[in-house]
PDB file of N, CA and C in Angstrom:
ATOM      1  N   UNK A   1      16.607 -90.788 -64.092  1.00  0.00           N
ATOM      2  CA  UNK A   1      16.228 -91.808 -65.039  1.00  0.00           C
ATOM      3  C   UNK A   1      15.605 -92.983 -64.289  1.00  0.00           C
ATOM      4  N   UNK A   2      14.563 -93.527 -64.848  1.00  0.00           N
ATOM      5  CA  UNK A   2      13.789 -94.594 -64.224  1.00  0.00           C
ATOM      6  C   UNK A   2      14.572 -95.896 -64.144  1.00  0.00           C
ATOM      7  N   UNK A   3      14.476 -96.539 -62.993  1.00  0.00           N
ATOM      8  CA  UNK A   3      15.024 -97.880 -62.808  1.00  0.00           C
ATOM      9  C   UNK A   3      13.914 -98.736 -62.208  1.00  0.00           C
ATOM     10  N   UNK A   4      13.772 -99.923 -62.743  1.00  0.00           N
ATOM     11  CA  UNK A   4      12.775-100.860 -62.212  1.00  0.00           C
ATOM     12  C   UNK A   4      13.528-102.087 -61.721  1.00  0.00           C
ATOM     13  N   UNK A   5      13.478-102.297 -60.410  1.00  0.00           N
ATOM     14  CA  UNK A   5      14.138-103.467 -59.846  1.00  0.00           C
ATOM     15  C   UNK A   5      13.296-104.705 -60.125  1.00  0.00           C
ATOM     16  N   UNK A   6      13.965-105.802 -60.397  1.00  0.00           N
ATOM     17  CA  UNK A   6      13.298-107.085 -60.623  1.00  0.00           C
ATOM     18  C   UNK A   6      12.249-107.016 -61.726  1.00  0.00           C
ATOM     19  N   UNK A   7      12.578-106.327 -62.816  1.00  0.00           N
ATOM     20  CA  UNK A   7      11.645-106.167 -63.925  1.00  0.00           C
ATOM     21  C   UNK A   7      11.226-107.518 -64.500  1.00  0.00           C
ATOM     22  N   UNK A   8      12.087-108.497 -64.378  1.00  0.00           N
ATOM     23  CA  UNK A   8      11.786-109.828 -64.905  1.00  0.00           C
ATOM     24  C   UNK A   8      10.635-110.528 -64.213  1.00  0.00           C
ATOM     25  N   UNK A   9      10.207-110.022 -63.059  1.00  0.00           N
ATOM     26  CA  UNK A   9       9.107-110.662 -62.331  1.00  0.00           C
ATOM     27  C   UNK A   9       7.791-110.638 -63.098  1.00  0.00           C
ATOM     28  N   UNK A  10       7.640-109.728 -64.057  1.00  0.00           N
ATOM     29  CA  UNK A  10       6.365-109.681 -64.775  1.00  0.00           C
ATOM     30  C   UNK A  10       6.347-110.618 -65.990  1.00  0.00           C
ATOM     31  N   UNK A  11       7.497-111.182 -66.344  1.00  0.00           N
ATOM     32  CA  UNK A  11       7.517-112.162 -67.426  1.00  0.00           C
ATOM     33  C   UNK A  11       6.692-113.369 -66.985  1.00  0.00           C
ATOM     34  N   UNK A  12       5.797-113.787 -67.851  1.00  0.00           N
ATOM     35  CA  UNK A  12       4.916-114.900 -67.530  1.00  0.00           C
ATOM     36  C   UNK A  12       3.550-114.461 -67.023  1.00  0.00           C
ATOM     37  N   UNK A  13       3.389-113.170 -66.753  1.00  0.00           N
ATOM     38  CA  UNK A  13       2.087-112.659 -66.331  1.00  0.00           C
ATOM     39  C   UNK A  13       1.250-112.307 -67.562  1.00  0.00           C
ATOM     40  N   UNK A  14      -0.034-112.152 -67.358  1.00  0.00           N
ATOM     41  CA  UNK A  14      -0.954-111.822 -68.434  1.00  0.00           C
ATOM     42  C   UNK A  14      -1.462-110.397 -68.294  1.00  0.00           C
ATOM     43  N   UNK A  15      -1.594-109.718 -69.437  1.00  0.00           N
ATOM     44  CA  UNK A  15      -2.163-108.374 -69.491  1.00  0.00           C
ATOM     45  C   UNK A  15      -3.186-108.365 -70.619  1.00  0.00           C
ATOM     46  N   UNK A  16      -4.434-108.150 -70.280  1.00  0.00           N
ATOM     47  CA  UNK A  16      -5.531-108.146 -71.257  1.00  0.00           C
ATOM     48  C   UNK A  16      -5.577-109.463 -72.036  1.00  0.00           C
ATOM     49  N   UNK A  17      -5.339-110.556 -71.341  1.00  0.00           N
ATOM     50  CA  UNK A  17      -5.387-111.874 -71.961  1.00  0.00           C
ATOM     51  C   UNK A  17      -4.173-112.216 -72.797  1.00  0.00           C
ATOM     52  N   UNK A  18      -3.145-111.398 -72.731  1.00  0.00           N
ATOM     53  CA  UNK A  18      -1.923-111.619 -73.523  1.00  0.00           C
ATOM     54  C   UNK A  18      -0.753-111.875 -72.586  1.00  0.00           C
ATOM     55  N   UNK A  19       0.077-112.811 -72.948  1.00  0.00           N
ATOM     56  CA  UNK A  19       1.216-113.262 -72.160  1.00  0.00           C
ATOM     57  C   UNK A  19       2.417-112.332 -72.376  1.00  0.00           C
ATOM     58  N   UNK A  20       3.032-111.880 -71.296  1.00  0.00           N
ATOM     59  CA  UNK A  20       4.251-111.064 -71.369  1.00  0.00           C
ATOM     60  C   UNK A  20       5.425-112.036 -71.443  1.00  0.00           C
ATOM     61  N   UNK A  21       6.117-112.063 -72.595  1.00  0.00           N
ATOM     62  CA  UNK A  21       7.158-113.067 -72.812  1.00  0.00           C
ATOM     63  C   UNK A  21       8.571-112.548 -72.536  1.00  0.00           C
ATOM     64  N   UNK A  22       8.725-111.239 -72.467  1.00  0.00           N
ATOM     65  CA  UNK A  22      10.058-110.680 -72.265  1.00  0.00           C
ATOM     66  C   UNK A  22       9.937-109.276 -71.689  1.00  0.00           C
ATOM     67  N   UNK A  23      10.886-108.893 -70.854  1.00  0.00           N
ATOM     68  CA  UNK A  23      10.911-107.540 -70.290  1.00  0.00           C
ATOM     69  C   UNK A  23      12.363-107.142 -70.094  1.00  0.00           C
ATOM     70  N   UNK A  24      12.696-105.937 -70.540  1.00  0.00           N
ATOM     71  CA  UNK A  24      14.068-105.503 -70.355  1.00  0.00           C
ATOM     72  C   UNK A  24      14.335-104.122 -70.901  1.00  0.00           C
ATOM     73  N   UNK A  25      15.593-103.723 -70.827  1.00  0.00           N
ATOM     74  CA  UNK A  25      16.029-102.412 -71.282  1.00  0.00           C
ATOM     75  C   UNK A  25      16.164-102.371 -72.792  1.00  0.00           C
ATOM     76  N   UNK A  26      15.960-101.202 -73.322  1.00  0.00           N
ATOM     77  CA  UNK A  26      16.208-100.941 -74.734  1.00  0.00           C
ATOM     78  C   UNK A  26      16.920 -99.609 -74.831  1.00  0.00           C
ATOM     79  N   UNK A  27      18.005 -99.589 -75.559  1.00  0.00           N
ATOM     80  CA  UNK A  27      18.743 -98.348 -75.758  1.00  0.00           C
ATOM     81  C   UNK A  27      18.808 -98.059 -77.242  1.00  0.00           C
ATOM     82  N   UNK A  28      18.343 -96.897 -77.630  1.00  0.00           N
ATOM     83  CA  UNK A  28      18.356 -96.479 -79.028  1.00  0.00           C
ATOM     84  C   UNK A  28      19.590 -95.626 -79.262  1.00  0.00           C
ATOM     85  N   UNK A  29      20.561 -96.179 -79.971  1.00  0.00           N
ATOM     86  CA  UNK A  29      21.821 -95.470 -80.198  1.00  0.00           C
ATOM     87  C   UNK A  29      21.652 -94.228 -81.064  1.00  0.00           C
ATOM     88  N   UNK A  30      20.539 -94.132 -81.783  1.00  0.00           N
ATOM     89  CA  UNK A  30      20.332 -93.005 -82.683  1.00  0.00           C
ATOM     90  C   UNK A  30      19.773 -91.773 -81.972  1.00  0.00           C
ATOM     91  N   UNK A  31      19.191 -91.985 -80.806  1.00  0.00           N
ATOM     92  CA  UNK A  31      18.615 -90.849 -80.082  1.00  0.00           C
ATOM     93  C   UNK A  31      19.716 -90.034 -79.429  1.00  0.00           C
ATOM     94  N   UNK A  32      19.551 -88.732 -79.445  1.00  0.00           N
ATOM     95  CA  UNK A  32      20.569 -87.845 -78.873  1.00  0.00           C
ATOM     96  C   UNK A  32      20.181 -87.323 -77.495  1.00  0.00           C
ATOM     97  N   UNK A  33      18.919 -87.519 -77.086  1.00  0.00           N
ATOM     98  CA  UNK A  33      18.471 -86.940 -75.819  1.00  0.00           C
ATOM     99  C   UNK A  33      18.768 -87.838 -74.613  1.00  0.00           C
ATOM    100  N   UNK A  34      19.325 -89.015 -74.850  1.00  0.00           N
ATOM    101  CA  UNK A  34      19.729 -89.877 -73.749  1.00  0.00           C
ATOM    102  C   UNK A  34      18.585 -90.624 -73.086  1.00  0.00           C
ATOM    103  N   UNK A  35      17.381 -90.548 -73.619  1.00  0.00           N
ATOM    104  CA  UNK A  35      16.264 -91.255 -73.006  1.00  0.00           C
ATOM    105  C   UNK A  35      16.196 -92.671 -73.545  1.00  0.00           C
ATOM    106  N   UNK A  36      16.290 -93.591 -72.663  1.00  0.00           N
ATOM    107  CA  UNK A  36      16.186 -94.996 -73.006  1.00  0.00           C
ATOM    108  C   UNK A  36      14.783 -95.475 -72.655  1.00  0.00           C
ATOM    109  N   UNK A  37      14.502 -96.718 -72.985  1.00  0.00           N
ATOM    110  CA  UNK A  37      13.169 -97.273 -72.782  1.00  0.00           C
ATOM    111  C   UNK A  37      13.256 -98.660 -72.172  1.00  0.00           C
ATOM    112  N   UNK A  38      12.169 -99.064 -71.548  1.00  0.00           N
ATOM    113  CA  UNK A  38      11.950-100.462 -71.207  1.00  0.00           C
ATOM    114  C   UNK A  38      11.020-101.013 -72.276  1.00  0.00           C
ATOM    115  N   UNK A  39      11.220-102.259 -72.657  1.00  0.00           N
ATOM    116  CA  UNK A  39      10.357-102.895 -73.652  1.00  0.00           C
ATOM    117  C   UNK A  39       9.797-104.174 -73.050  1.00  0.00           C
ATOM    118  N   UNK A  40       8.490-104.354 -73.236  1.00  0.00           N
ATOM    119  CA  UNK A  40       7.784-105.552 -72.792  1.00  0.00           C
ATOM    120  C   UNK A  40       7.225-106.228 -74.038  1.00  0.00           C
ATOM    121  N   UNK A  41       7.723-107.414 -74.341  1.00  0.00           N
ATOM    122  CA  UNK A  41       7.258-108.142 -75.515  1.00  0.00           C
ATOM    123  C   UNK A  41       6.002-108.917 -75.154  1.00  0.00           C
ATOM    124  N   UNK A  42       4.981-108.746 -75.999  1.00  0.00           N
ATOM    125  CA  UNK A  42       3.692-109.402 -75.785  1.00  0.00           C
ATOM    126  C   UNK A  42       3.539-110.492 -76.837  1.00  0.00           C
ATOM    127  N   UNK A  43       3.126-111.673 -76.407  1.00  0.00           N
ATOM    128  CA  UNK A  43       3.064-112.826 -77.300  1.00  0.00           C
ATOM    129  C   UNK A  43       2.103-112.633 -78.468  1.00  0.00           C
ATOM    130  N   UNK A  44       2.375-113.359 -79.510  1.00  0.00           N
ATOM    131  CA  UNK A  44       1.493-113.412 -80.672  1.00  0.00           C
ATOM    132  C   UNK A  44       0.401-114.436 -80.392  1.00  0.00           C
ATOM    133  N   UNK A  45      -0.829-114.093 -80.784  1.00  0.00           N
ATOM    134  CA  UNK A  45      -1.922-115.055 -80.710  1.00  0.00           C
ATOM    135  C   UNK A  45      -2.279-115.445 -82.139  1.00  0.00           C
ATOM    136  N   UNK A  46      -2.748-116.643 -82.318  1.00  0.00           N
ATOM    137  CA  UNK A  46      -2.896-117.191 -83.669  1.00  0.00           C
ATOM    138  C   UNK A  46      -4.345-117.273 -84.141  1.00  0.00           C
ATOM    139  N   UNK A  47      -5.077-116.161 -84.070  1.00  0.00           N
ATOM    140  CA  UNK A  47      -6.441-116.213 -84.595  1.00  0.00           C
ATOM    141  C   UNK A  47      -6.673-115.208 -85.728  1.00  0.00           C
ATOM    142  N   UNK A  48      -5.611-114.668 -86.284  1.00  0.00           N
ATOM    143  CA  UNK A  48      -5.724-113.893 -87.510  1.00  0.00           C
ATOM    144  C   UNK A  48      -5.948-112.397 -87.379  1.00  0.00           C
ATOM    145  N   UNK A  49      -6.397-111.902 -86.256  1.00  0.00           N
ATOM    146  CA  UNK A  49      -6.645-110.469 -86.086  1.00  0.00           C
ATOM    147  C   UNK A  49      -5.321-109.714 -85.984  1.00  0.00           C
ATOM    148  N   UNK A  50      -5.285-108.484 -86.525  1.00  0.00           N
ATOM    149  CA  UNK A  50      -4.071-107.669 -86.402  1.00  0.00           C
ATOM    150  C   UNK A  50      -3.721-107.417 -84.940  1.00  0.00           C
ATOM    151  N   UNK A  51      -4.750-107.269 -84.097  1.00  0.00           N
ATOM    152  CA  UNK A  51      -4.497-107.032 -82.676  1.00  0.00           C
ATOM    153  C   UNK A  51      -3.718-108.191 -82.056  1.00  0.00           C
ATOM    154  N   UNK A  52      -3.850-109.360 -82.610  1.00  0.00           N
ATOM    155  CA  UNK A  52      -3.222-110.530 -82.009  1.00  0.00           C
ATOM    156  C   UNK A  52      -1.795-110.784 -82.481  1.00  0.00           C
ATOM    157  N   UNK A  53      -1.212-109.845 -83.227  1.00  0.00           N
ATOM    158  CA  UNK A  53       0.191-109.990 -83.610  1.00  0.00           C
ATOM    159  C   UNK A  53       1.073-109.703 -82.394  1.00  0.00           C
ATOM    160  N   UNK A  54       2.356-110.004 -82.527  1.00  0.00           N
ATOM    161  CA  UNK A  54       3.290-109.725 -81.431  1.00  0.00           C
ATOM    162  C   UNK A  54       3.450-108.214 -81.281  1.00  0.00           C
ATOM    163  N   UNK A  55       3.475-107.748 -80.043  1.00  0.00           N
ATOM    164  CA  UNK A  55       3.620-106.325 -79.769  1.00  0.00           C
ATOM    165  C   UNK A  55       4.827-106.077 -78.883  1.00  0.00           C
ATOM    166  N   UNK A  56       5.399-104.886 -79.033  1.00  0.00           N
ATOM    167  CA  UNK A  56       6.348-104.358 -78.066  1.00  0.00           C
ATOM    168  C   UNK A  56       5.655-103.196 -77.376  1.00  0.00           C
ATOM    169  N   UNK A  57       5.467-103.321 -76.074  1.00  0.00           N
ATOM    170  CA  UNK A  57       4.948-102.213 -75.275  1.00  0.00           C
ATOM    171  C   UNK A  57       6.170-101.510 -74.699  1.00  0.00           C
ATOM    172  N   UNK A  58       6.221-100.195 -74.904  1.00  0.00           N
ATOM    173  CA  UNK A  58       7.399 -99.407 -74.561  1.00  0.00           C
ATOM    174  C   UNK A  58       7.076 -98.482 -73.384  1.00  0.00           C
ATOM    175  N   UNK A  59       7.992 -98.402 -72.426  1.00  0.00           N
ATOM    176  CA  UNK A  59       7.878 -97.488 -71.293  1.00  0.00           C
ATOM    177  C   UNK A  59       9.096 -96.579 -71.309  1.00  0.00           C
ATOM    178  N   UNK A  60       8.858 -95.272 -71.402  1.00  0.00           N
ATOM    179  CA  UNK A  60       9.972 -94.322 -71.400  1.00  0.00           C
ATOM    180  C   UNK A  60      10.608 -94.271 -70.015  1.00  0.00           C
ATOM    181  N   UNK A  61      11.894 -94.027 -69.975  1.00  0.00           N
ATOM    182  CA  UNK A  61      12.590 -93.882 -68.693  1.00  0.00           C
ATOM    183  C   UNK A  61      12.636 -92.433 -68.236  1.00  0.00           C
ATOM    184  N   UNK A  62      12.324 -91.507 -69.130  1.00  0.00           N
ATOM    185  CA  UNK A  62      12.313 -90.095 -68.785  1.00  0.00           C
ATOM    186  C   UNK A  62      10.887 -89.608 -68.580  1.00  0.00           C
ATOM    187  N   UNK A  63      10.700 -88.714 -67.636  1.00  0.00           N
ATOM    188  CA  UNK A  63       9.361 -88.192 -67.356  1.00  0.00           C
ATOM    189  C   UNK A  63       8.971 -87.126 -68.369  1.00  0.00           C
ATOM    190  N   UNK A  64       7.663 -87.024 -68.600  1.00  0.00           N
ATOM    191  CA  UNK A  64       7.150 -85.981 -69.493  1.00  0.00           C
ATOM    192  C   UNK A  64       6.887 -84.710 -68.693  1.00  0.00           C
ATOM    193  N   UNK A  65       6.297 -83.715 -69.344  1.00  0.00           N
ATOM    194  CA  UNK A  65       6.054 -82.426 -68.684  1.00  0.00           C
ATOM    195  C   UNK A  65       5.071 -82.521 -67.524  1.00  0.00           C
ATOM    196  N   UNK A  66       4.281 -83.602 -67.464  1.00  0.00           N
ATOM    197  CA  UNK A  66       3.332 -83.792 -66.358  1.00  0.00           C
ATOM    198  C   UNK A  66       3.944 -84.575 -65.197  1.00  0.00           C
ATOM    199  N   UNK A  67       5.202 -84.966 -65.329  1.00  0.00           N
ATOM    200  CA  UNK A  67       5.859 -85.717 -64.262  1.00  0.00           C
ATOM    201  C   UNK A  67       5.577 -87.206 -64.301  1.00  0.00           C
ATOM    202  N   UNK A  68       5.041 -87.690 -65.427  1.00  0.00           N
ATOM    203  CA  UNK A  68       4.734 -89.111 -65.588  1.00  0.00           C
ATOM    204  C   UNK A  68       5.574 -89.707 -66.704  1.00  0.00           C
ATOM    205  N   UNK A  69       5.587 -91.030 -66.757  1.00  0.00           N
ATOM    206  CA  UNK A  69       6.266 -91.749 -67.828  1.00  0.00           C
ATOM    207  C   UNK A  69       5.245 -92.053 -68.922  1.00  0.00           C
ATOM    208  N   UNK A  70       5.727 -92.239 -70.148  1.00  0.00           N
ATOM    209  CA  UNK A  70       4.863 -92.580 -71.273  1.00  0.00           C
ATOM    210  C   UNK A  70       4.980 -94.062 -71.574  1.00  0.00           C
ATOM    211  N   UNK A  71       3.842 -94.704 -71.813  1.00  0.00           N
ATOM    212  CA  UNK A  71       3.820 -96.101 -72.214  1.00  0.00           C
ATOM    213  C   UNK A  71       2.944 -96.203 -73.450  1.00  0.00           C
ATOM    214  N   UNK A  72       3.385 -96.998 -74.432  1.00  0.00           N
ATOM    215  CA  UNK A  72       2.623 -97.140 -75.673  1.00  0.00           C
ATOM    216  C   UNK A  72       3.054 -98.412 -76.396  1.00  0.00           C
ATOM    217  N   UNK A  73       2.213 -98.818 -77.359  1.00  0.00           N
ATOM    218  CA  UNK A  73       2.561 -99.931 -78.238  1.00  0.00           C
ATOM    219  C   UNK A  73       3.410 -99.365 -79.367  1.00  0.00           C
ATOM    220  N   UNK A  74       4.571 -99.959 -79.599  1.00  0.00           N
ATOM    221  CA  UNK A  74       5.460 -99.507 -80.660  1.00  0.00           C
ATOM    222  C   UNK A  74       4.719 -99.548 -81.998  1.00  0.00           C
ATOM    223  N   UNK A  75       4.777 -98.423 -82.709  1.00  0.00           N
ATOM    224  CA  UNK A  75       4.106 -98.306 -83.997  1.00  0.00           C
ATOM    225  C   UNK A  75       2.708 -97.731 -83.910  1.00  0.00           C
ATOM    226  N   UNK A  76       2.159 -97.662 -82.703  1.00  0.00           N
ATOM    227  CA  UNK A  76       0.819 -97.107 -82.481  1.00  0.00           C
ATOM    228  C   UNK A  76       0.856 -96.082 -81.353  1.00  0.00           C
ATOM    229  N   UNK A  77       1.909 -95.293 -81.297  1.00  0.00           N
ATOM    230  CA  UNK A  77       2.131 -94.412 -80.156  1.00  0.00           C
ATOM    231  C   UNK A  77       0.957 -93.467 -79.912  1.00  0.00           C
ATOM    232  N   UNK A  78       0.510 -92.769 -80.926  1.00  0.00           N
ATOM    233  CA  UNK A  78      -0.570 -91.788 -80.718  1.00  0.00           C
ATOM    234  C   UNK A  78      -1.876 -92.436 -80.281  1.00  0.00           C
ATOM    235  N   UNK A  79      -2.156 -93.618 -80.778  1.00  0.00           N
ATOM    236  CA  UNK A  79      -3.424 -94.284 -80.463  1.00  0.00           C
ATOM    237  C   UNK A  79      -3.406 -95.011 -79.128  1.00  0.00           C
ATOM    238  N   UNK A  80      -2.218 -95.352 -78.631  1.00  0.00           N
ATOM    239  CA  UNK A  80      -2.157 -96.217 -77.451  1.00  0.00           C
ATOM    240  C   UNK A  80      -1.447 -95.607 -76.246  1.00  0.00           C
ATOM    241  N   UNK A  81      -0.945 -94.407 -76.362  1.00  0.00           N
ATOM    242  CA  UNK A  81      -0.141 -93.829 -75.279  1.00  0.00           C
ATOM    243  C   UNK A  81      -0.968 -93.606 -74.017  1.00  0.00           C
ATOM    244  N   UNK A  82      -0.389 -94.019 -72.899  1.00  0.00           N
ATOM    245  CA  UNK A  82      -0.955 -93.743 -71.581  1.00  0.00           C
ATOM    246  C   UNK A  82       0.150 -93.148 -70.722  1.00  0.00           C
ATOM    247  N   UNK A  83      -0.239 -92.365 -69.738  1.00  0.00           N
ATOM    248  CA  UNK A  83       0.722 -91.832 -68.778  1.00  0.00           C
ATOM    249  C   UNK A  83       0.775 -92.770 -67.581  1.00  0.00           C
ATOM    250  N   UNK A  84       1.981 -93.038 -67.130  1.00  0.00           N
ATOM    251  CA  UNK A  84       2.192 -93.961 -66.025  1.00  0.00           C
ATOM    252  C   UNK A  84       2.884 -93.208 -64.903  1.00  0.00           C
ATOM    253  N   UNK A  85       2.251 -93.173 -63.745  1.00  0.00           N
ATOM    254  CA  UNK A  85       2.826 -92.468 -62.596  1.00  0.00           C
ATOM    255  C   UNK A  85       3.798 -93.384 -61.852  1.00  0.00           C
ATOM    256  N   UNK A  86       4.540 -92.799 -60.940  1.00  0.00           N
ATOM    257  CA  UNK A  86       5.481 -93.574 -60.127  1.00  0.00           C
ATOM    258  C   UNK A  86       4.790 -94.701 -59.378  1.00  0.00           C
ATOM    259  N   UNK A  87       3.530 -94.494 -58.988  1.00  0.00           N
ATOM    260  CA  UNK A  87       2.801 -95.515 -58.241  1.00  0.00           C
ATOM    261  C   UNK A  87       2.667 -96.818 -59.023  1.00  0.00           C
ATOM    262  N   UNK A  88       2.528 -96.727 -60.342  1.00  0.00           N
ATOM    263  CA  UNK A  88       2.374 -97.917 -61.168  1.00  0.00           C
ATOM    264  C   UNK A  88       3.686 -98.683 -61.345  1.00  0.00           C
ATOM    265  N   UNK A  89       4.797 -98.030 -61.073  1.00  0.00           N
ATOM    266  CA  UNK A  89       6.104 -98.639 -61.290  1.00  0.00           C
ATOM    267  C   UNK A  89       6.544 -99.458 -60.072  1.00  0.00           C
ATOM    268  N   UNK A  90       6.019 -99.157 -58.908  1.00  0.00           N
ATOM    269  CA  UNK A  90       6.529 -99.719 -57.660  1.00  0.00           C
ATOM    270  C   UNK A  90       6.267-101.209 -57.482  1.00  0.00           C
ATOM    271  N   UNK A  91       5.162-101.716 -58.001  1.00  0.00           N
ATOM    272  CA  UNK A  91       4.811-103.122 -57.797  1.00  0.00           C
ATOM    273  C   UNK A  91       4.570-103.801 -59.145  1.00  0.00           C
ATOM    274  N   UNK A  92       4.998-105.048 -59.281  1.00  0.00           N
ATOM    275  CA  UNK A  92       4.819-105.738 -60.554  1.00  0.00           C
ATOM    276  C   UNK A  92       3.373-105.759 -61.057  1.00  0.00           C
ATOM    277  N   UNK A  93       2.425-105.983 -60.165  1.00  0.00           N
ATOM    278  CA  UNK A  93       1.022-106.057 -60.598  1.00  0.00           C
ATOM    279  C   UNK A  93       0.517-104.707 -61.108  1.00  0.00           C
ATOM    280  N   UNK A  94       0.990-103.633 -60.535  1.00  0.00           N
ATOM    281  CA  UNK A  94       0.595-102.301 -61.001  1.00  0.00           C
ATOM    282  C   UNK A  94       1.186-102.025 -62.387  1.00  0.00           C
ATOM    283  N   UNK A  95       2.409-102.481 -62.609  1.00  0.00           N
ATOM    284  CA  UNK A  95       3.037-102.320 -63.913  1.00  0.00           C
ATOM    285  C   UNK A  95       2.285-103.132 -64.971  1.00  0.00           C
ATOM    286  N   UNK A  96       1.875-104.337 -64.616  1.00  0.00           N
ATOM    287  CA  UNK A  96       1.078-105.162 -65.529  1.00  0.00           C
ATOM    288  C   UNK A  96      -0.251-104.470 -65.835  1.00  0.00           C
ATOM    289  N   UNK A  97      -0.839-103.803 -64.862  1.00  0.00           N
ATOM    290  CA  UNK A  97      -2.083-103.064 -65.093  1.00  0.00           C
ATOM    291  C   UNK A  97      -1.863-101.931 -66.096  1.00  0.00           C
ATOM    292  N   UNK A  98      -0.736-101.244 -66.005  1.00  0.00           N
ATOM    293  CA  UNK A  98      -0.425-100.186 -66.970  1.00  0.00           C
ATOM    294  C   UNK A  98      -0.245-100.774 -68.372  1.00  0.00           C
ATOM    295  N   UNK A  99       0.413-101.922 -68.471  1.00  0.00           N
ATOM    296  CA  UNK A  99       0.563-102.593 -69.769  1.00  0.00           C
ATOM    297  C   UNK A  99      -0.807-102.990 -70.296  1.00  0.00           C
ATOM    298  N   UNK A 100      -1.670-103.490 -69.433  1.00  0.00           N
ATOM    299  CA  UNK A 100      -3.027-103.863 -69.823  1.00  0.00           C
ATOM    300  C   UNK A 100      -3.773-102.658 -70.394  1.00  0.00           C
ATOM    301  N   UNK A 101      -3.670-101.516 -69.735  1.00  0.00           N
ATOM    302  CA  UNK A 101      -4.354-100.312 -70.209  1.00  0.00           C
ATOM    303  C   UNK A 101      -3.888 -99.928 -71.610  1.00  0.00           C
ATOM    304  N   UNK A 102      -2.608-100.107 -71.873  1.00  0.00           N
ATOM    305  CA  UNK A 102      -2.056 -99.821 -73.199  1.00  0.00           C
ATOM    306  C   UNK A 102      -2.594-100.806 -74.225  1.00  0.00           C
ATOM    307  N   UNK A 103      -2.655-102.082 -73.858  1.00  0.00           N
ATOM    308  CA  UNK A 103      -3.157-103.099 -74.784  1.00  0.00           C
ATOM    309  C   UNK A 103      -4.647-102.931 -75.068  1.00  0.00           C
ATOM    310  N   UNK A 104      -5.411-102.471 -74.087  1.00  0.00           N
ATOM    311  CA  UNK A 104      -6.831-102.194 -74.313  1.00  0.00           C
ATOM    312  C   UNK A 104      -6.980-101.103 -75.367  1.00  0.00           C
ATOM    313  N   UNK A 105      -6.135-100.084 -75.305  1.00  0.00           N
ATOM    314  CA  UNK A 105      -6.182 -99.022 -76.320  1.00  0.00           C
ATOM    315  C   UNK A 105      -5.816 -99.567 -77.703  1.00  0.00           C
ATOM    316  N   UNK A 106      -4.844-100.473 -77.765  1.00  0.00           N
ATOM    317  CA  UNK A 106      -4.473-101.080 -79.052  1.00  0.00           C
ATOM    318  C   UNK A 106      -5.630-101.916 -79.590  1.00  0.00           C
ATOM    319  N   UNK A 107      -6.276-102.670 -78.725  1.00  0.00           N
ATOM    320  CA  UNK A 107      -7.407-103.495 -79.143  1.00  0.00           C
ATOM    321  C   UNK A 107      -8.542-102.617 -79.664  1.00  0.00           C
ATOM    322  N   UNK A 108      -8.828-101.530 -78.978  1.00  0.00           N
ATOM    323  CA  UNK A 108      -9.862-100.592 -79.413  1.00  0.00           C
ATOM    324  C   UNK A 108      -9.499 -99.984 -80.756  1.00  0.00           C
ATOM    325  N   UNK A 109      -8.240 -99.629 -80.936  1.00  0.00           N
ATOM    326  CA  UNK A 109      -7.785 -99.056 -82.209  1.00  0.00           C
ATOM    327  C   UNK A 109      -8.053-100.033 -83.354  1.00  0.00           C
ATOM    328  N   UNK A 110      -7.679-101.287 -83.188  1.00  0.00           N
ATOM    329  CA  UNK A 110      -7.875-102.259 -84.263  1.00  0.00           C
ATOM    330  C   UNK A 110      -9.347-102.585 -84.506  1.00  0.00           C
ATOM    331  N   UNK A 111     -10.159-102.532 -83.467  1.00  0.00           N
ATOM    332  CA  UNK A 111     -11.586-102.817 -83.633  1.00  0.00           C
ATOM    333  C   UNK A 111     -12.338-101.681 -84.304  1.00  0.00           C
ATOM    334  N   UNK A 112     -11.834-100.459 -84.185  1.00  0.00           N
ATOM    335  CA  UNK A 112     -12.563 -99.309 -84.716  1.00  0.00           C
ATOM    336  C   UNK A 112     -11.954 -98.707 -85.978  1.00  0.00           C
ATOM    337  N   UNK A 113     -10.808 -99.197 -86.412  1.00  0.00           N
ATOM    338  CA  UNK A 113     -10.191 -98.602 -87.590  1.00  0.00           C
ATOM    339  C   UNK A 113     -10.371 -99.466 -88.822  1.00  0.00           C
TER     340      UNK A 113
END
């Protein structure tokens, strides 16, 4: 199971022009497979676009069949999912880059739908 040391270091950083306001563990008591998640809360922006609402970016702690972790915007999993390798987890800036990639997909989804 994935562990990220000093996960709080990315709080206050920006991903795709959006401020990361919170980072931490999330445990879903309803799931039976034991896979927990990390959640990164992205700030709300006040210019009216749906893309600018508050987001939770989710990182799975369990690896998928390709040996990578899944990251996506909660509620837009199919449109925003990216695979995150171990390399992206090792350094805070790499993790922020993975969050940015997810947010770019969310922005594209809202612009094209």
